[in-house]
Amino acid sequence: MANNMINREFTAQKRLEKLFTDITYLPFGVKTLYLSSILDLFNGEIIAYTISDTQNVNLVRYTSAITIFTARLSFTQRPGICLYLS
């Protein structure tokens, strides 16, 4: 089991300090799509999302890469805590 780094403190003091991700199922008739999103706990903003027809680790990795590139993070500006929940 991983260490509890959040300790039930679901707020952040600055942008990109605590990020959460989850995959949501989107049923469309006989087909299911998967929405992977990343939420910044600082302001509740969805900072990246991806929709795919397959649910796997690559979906979350791709969404994480979008976060890094769109936020233009340098090595010193990476998120303090980044959790992957499913």
N, C-alpha and C. Protein backbone atom coordinates (compact mmCIF):
# COMPACT_ATOMS: atom_id res chain seq x y z
N MET A 1 0.83 -1.17 0.00
CA MET A 1 0.00 0.00 0.00
C MET A 1 0.89 1.24 0.00
N ALA A 2 0.51 2.25 -0.77
CA ALA A 2 1.27 3.49 -0.87
C ALA A 2 1.05 4.36 0.37
N ASN A 3 2.01 5.21 0.65
CA ASN A 3 1.89 6.16 1.76
C ASN A 3 0.76 7.16 1.49
N ASN A 4 0.08 7.59 2.54
CA ASN A 4 -0.99 8.58 2.43
C ASN A 4 -0.38 9.98 2.43
N MET A 5 -0.02 10.48 1.26
CA MET A 5 0.63 11.79 1.15
C MET A 5 -0.36 12.94 1.25
N ILE A 6 -1.62 12.71 0.93
CA ILE A 6 -2.63 13.77 0.96
C ILE A 6 -3.18 13.97 2.38
N ASN A 7 -3.30 12.87 3.14
CA ASN A 7 -3.81 12.93 4.50
C ASN A 7 -5.15 13.67 4.59
N ARG A 8 -6.03 13.41 3.62
CA ARG A 8 -7.38 13.99 3.56
C ARG A 8 -7.39 15.52 3.46
N GLU A 9 -6.30 16.11 3.02
CA GLU A 9 -6.25 17.56 2.78
C GLU A 9 -6.40 17.79 1.28
N PHE A 10 -7.65 18.00 0.87
CA PHE A 10 -7.98 18.09 -0.55
C PHE A 10 -7.98 19.53 -1.03
N THR A 11 -7.04 20.31 -0.55
CA THR A 11 -6.84 21.68 -1.02
C THR A 11 -5.36 21.85 -1.31
N ALA A 12 -5.04 22.85 -2.09
CA ALA A 12 -3.65 23.15 -2.42
C ALA A 12 -3.41 24.64 -2.27
N GLN A 13 -2.21 25.02 -1.94
CA GLN A 13 -1.86 26.42 -1.75
C GLN A 13 -1.41 27.10 -3.04
N LYS A 14 -1.04 26.30 -4.05
CA LYS A 14 -0.59 26.87 -5.32
C LYS A 14 -0.94 25.93 -6.46
N ARG A 15 -0.92 26.48 -7.67
CA ARG A 15 -1.21 25.69 -8.87
C ARG A 15 -0.24 24.52 -9.00
N LEU A 16 -0.75 23.40 -9.47
CA LEU A 16 0.04 22.22 -9.79
C LEU A 16 0.71 21.58 -8.58
N GLU A 17 0.26 21.93 -7.38
CA GLU A 17 0.82 21.33 -6.18
C GLU A 17 0.25 19.92 -5.94
N LYS A 18 -1.06 19.78 -6.13
CA LYS A 18 -1.72 18.49 -5.96
C LYS A 18 -2.63 18.26 -7.16
N LEU A 19 -2.37 17.18 -7.87
CA LEU A 19 -3.15 16.84 -9.06
C LEU A 19 -3.78 15.47 -8.86
N PHE A 20 -5.02 15.34 -9.28
CA PHE A 20 -5.71 14.06 -9.22
C PHE A 20 -6.17 13.67 -10.62
N THR A 21 -6.22 12.38 -10.86
CA THR A 21 -6.71 11.90 -12.13
C THR A 21 -7.68 10.74 -11.90
N ASP A 22 -8.58 10.59 -12.83
CA ASP A 22 -9.55 9.51 -12.75
C ASP A 22 -10.01 9.17 -14.16
N ILE A 23 -10.54 7.99 -14.33
CA ILE A 23 -11.11 7.59 -15.62
C ILE A 23 -12.60 7.40 -15.43
N THR A 24 -13.38 8.07 -16.29
CA THR A 24 -14.83 8.00 -16.25
C THR A 24 -15.32 7.24 -17.47
N TYR A 25 -16.28 6.35 -17.26
CA TYR A 25 -16.87 5.58 -18.35
C TYR A 25 -17.97 6.42 -19.00
N LEU A 26 -17.97 6.47 -20.33
CA LEU A 26 -18.98 7.21 -21.09
C LEU A 26 -19.69 6.25 -22.04
N PRO A 27 -20.85 5.71 -21.63
CA PRO A 27 -21.56 4.77 -22.51
C PRO A 27 -22.26 5.49 -23.66
N PHE A 28 -22.01 5.02 -24.86
CA PHE A 28 -22.65 5.54 -26.08
C PHE A 28 -23.24 4.36 -26.84
N GLY A 29 -24.50 4.04 -26.53
CA GLY A 29 -25.14 2.89 -27.17
C GLY A 29 -24.42 1.61 -26.81
N VAL A 30 -23.94 0.90 -27.82
CA VAL A 30 -23.24 -0.36 -27.57
C VAL A 30 -21.75 -0.15 -27.31
N LYS A 31 -21.27 1.06 -27.47
CA LYS A 31 -19.85 1.36 -27.31
C LYS A 31 -19.62 2.15 -26.03
N THR A 32 -18.48 1.93 -25.39
CA THR A 32 -18.08 2.69 -24.21
C THR A 32 -16.79 3.44 -24.51
N LEU A 33 -16.78 4.73 -24.20
CA LEU A 33 -15.57 5.53 -24.30
C LEU A 33 -15.09 5.82 -22.89
N TYR A 34 -13.82 6.22 -22.79
CA TYR A 34 -13.22 6.47 -21.49
C TYR A 34 -12.62 7.87 -21.47
N LEU A 35 -13.00 8.65 -20.45
CA LEU A 35 -12.51 10.01 -20.28
C LEU A 35 -11.49 10.01 -19.16
N SER A 36 -10.26 10.35 -19.48
CA SER A 36 -9.20 10.50 -18.49
C SER A 36 -8.99 11.99 -18.28
N SER A 37 -9.13 12.45 -17.04
CA SER A 37 -8.97 13.88 -16.77
C SER A 37 -8.04 14.09 -15.59
N ILE A 38 -7.42 15.28 -15.55
CA ILE A 38 -6.54 15.65 -14.45
C ILE A 38 -7.07 16.93 -13.84
N LEU A 39 -7.30 16.88 -12.52
CA LEU A 39 -7.88 17.97 -11.76
C LEU A 39 -6.82 18.60 -10.86
N ASP A 40 -6.71 19.94 -10.93
CA ASP A 40 -5.82 20.68 -10.05
C ASP A 40 -6.61 21.06 -8.79
N LEU A 41 -6.17 20.59 -7.63
CA LEU A 41 -6.90 20.85 -6.39
C LEU A 41 -6.81 22.31 -5.95
N PHE A 42 -5.93 23.08 -6.53
CA PHE A 42 -5.83 24.50 -6.17
C PHE A 42 -7.11 25.25 -6.47
N ASN A 43 -7.62 25.06 -7.70
CA ASN A 43 -8.81 25.81 -8.10
C ASN A 43 -9.92 24.93 -8.69
N GLY A 44 -9.75 23.62 -8.64
CA GLY A 44 -10.77 22.71 -9.16
C GLY A 44 -10.84 22.66 -10.67
N GLU A 45 -9.82 23.16 -11.34
CA GLU A 45 -9.80 23.20 -12.80
C GLU A 45 -9.34 21.88 -13.39
N ILE A 46 -10.05 21.43 -14.42
CA ILE A 46 -9.58 20.29 -15.22
C ILE A 46 -8.50 20.85 -16.14
N ILE A 47 -7.26 20.43 -15.93
CA ILE A 47 -6.16 21.02 -16.70
C ILE A 47 -5.78 20.19 -17.91
N ALA A 48 -6.29 18.97 -18.00
CA ALA A 48 -6.05 18.14 -19.18
C ALA A 48 -7.07 17.02 -19.21
N TYR A 49 -7.41 16.60 -20.44
CA TYR A 49 -8.30 15.44 -20.56
C TYR A 49 -8.05 14.77 -21.90
N THR A 50 -8.38 13.49 -21.93
CA THR A 50 -8.27 12.69 -23.14
C THR A 50 -9.44 11.72 -23.17
N ILE A 51 -10.00 11.49 -24.35
CA ILE A 51 -11.06 10.50 -24.53
C ILE A 51 -10.52 9.40 -25.44
N SER A 52 -10.78 8.14 -25.05
CA SER A 52 -10.28 7.01 -25.83
C SER A 52 -11.31 5.90 -25.84
N ASP A 53 -11.17 4.98 -26.79
CA ASP A 53 -12.06 3.83 -26.81
C ASP A 53 -11.44 2.63 -26.10
N THR A 54 -10.25 2.80 -25.53
CA THR A 54 -9.63 1.75 -24.72
C THR A 54 -9.20 2.32 -23.38
N GLN A 55 -9.35 1.52 -22.34
CA GLN A 55 -8.94 1.92 -21.01
C GLN A 55 -7.68 1.15 -20.65
N ASN A 56 -6.57 1.87 -20.62
CA ASN A 56 -5.32 1.24 -20.22
C ASN A 56 -4.38 2.32 -19.67
N VAL A 57 -3.22 1.90 -19.24
CA VAL A 57 -2.28 2.83 -18.63
C VAL A 57 -1.82 3.91 -19.62
N ASN A 58 -1.81 3.59 -20.91
CA ASN A 58 -1.38 4.58 -21.90
C ASN A 58 -2.34 5.78 -21.96
N LEU A 59 -3.61 5.56 -21.66
CA LEU A 59 -4.57 6.65 -21.63
C LEU A 59 -4.18 7.66 -20.56
N VAL A 60 -3.84 7.19 -19.37
CA VAL A 60 -3.44 8.09 -18.28
C VAL A 60 -2.07 8.70 -18.56
N ARG A 61 -1.17 7.94 -19.11
CA ARG A 61 0.15 8.48 -19.46
C ARG A 61 0.03 9.61 -20.48
N TYR A 62 -0.82 9.42 -21.48
CA TYR A 62 -1.02 10.45 -22.50
C TYR A 62 -1.62 11.71 -21.89
N THR A 63 -2.60 11.55 -21.00
CA THR A 63 -3.20 12.71 -20.34
C THR A 63 -2.17 13.43 -19.49
N SER A 64 -1.30 12.68 -18.82
CA SER A 64 -0.23 13.29 -18.02
C SER A 64 0.74 14.06 -18.90
N ALA A 65 1.07 13.50 -20.05
CA ALA A 65 1.98 14.20 -20.97
C ALA A 65 1.36 15.49 -21.47
N ILE A 66 0.07 15.48 -21.74
CA ILE A 66 -0.61 16.72 -22.15
C ILE A 66 -0.48 17.77 -21.05
N THR A 67 -0.66 17.35 -19.81
CA THR A 67 -0.54 18.27 -18.68
C THR A 67 0.82 18.93 -18.65
N ILE A 68 1.86 18.14 -18.78
CA ILE A 68 3.22 18.66 -18.71
C ILE A 68 3.50 19.61 -19.87
N PHE A 69 3.12 19.23 -21.08
CA PHE A 69 3.42 20.07 -22.23
C PHE A 69 2.58 21.34 -22.27
N THR A 70 1.31 21.25 -21.94
CA THR A 70 0.46 22.44 -22.02
C THR A 70 0.76 23.43 -20.91
N ALA A 71 1.18 22.94 -19.76
CA ALA A 71 1.53 23.84 -18.66
C ALA A 71 2.97 24.34 -18.80
N ARG A 72 3.71 23.77 -19.75
CA ARG A 72 5.11 24.14 -20.00
C ARG A 72 5.93 24.10 -18.71
N LEU A 73 5.86 22.96 -18.04
CA LEU A 73 6.55 22.80 -16.77
C LEU A 73 8.03 22.54 -16.97
N SER A 74 8.84 23.24 -16.22
CA SER A 74 10.27 22.92 -16.21
C SER A 74 10.50 21.90 -15.10
N PHE A 75 11.71 21.40 -14.98
CA PHE A 75 11.99 20.41 -13.96
C PHE A 75 11.78 20.96 -12.56
N THR A 76 11.91 22.25 -12.36
CA THR A 76 11.74 22.83 -11.02
C THR A 76 10.29 23.19 -10.74
N GLN A 77 9.39 23.07 -11.73
CA GLN A 77 8.00 23.44 -11.54
C GLN A 77 7.06 22.24 -11.60
N ARG A 78 7.56 21.06 -11.45
CA ARG A 78 6.71 19.88 -11.48
C ARG A 78 5.73 19.90 -10.31
N PRO A 79 4.60 19.23 -10.45
CA PRO A 79 3.65 19.15 -9.33
C PRO A 79 4.30 18.55 -8.09
N GLY A 80 3.88 19.05 -6.93
CA GLY A 80 4.40 18.52 -5.68
C GLY A 80 3.90 17.11 -5.42
N ILE A 81 2.64 16.86 -5.69
CA ILE A 81 2.04 15.55 -5.50
C ILE A 81 1.19 15.23 -6.71
N CYS A 82 1.36 14.06 -7.25
CA CYS A 82 0.54 13.65 -8.39
C CYS A 82 0.06 12.23 -8.11
N LEU A 83 -1.26 12.06 -7.98
CA LEU A 83 -1.82 10.76 -7.67
C LEU A 83 -2.63 10.23 -8.84
N TYR A 84 -2.56 8.94 -9.06
CA TYR A 84 -3.37 8.29 -10.08
C TYR A 84 -4.37 7.40 -9.38
N LEU A 85 -5.63 7.70 -9.53
CA LEU A 85 -6.70 6.94 -8.90
C LEU A 85 -7.53 6.25 -9.97
N SER A 86 -7.99 5.07 -9.67
CA SER A 86 -8.88 4.40 -10.62
C SER A 86 -10.00 3.72 -9.88
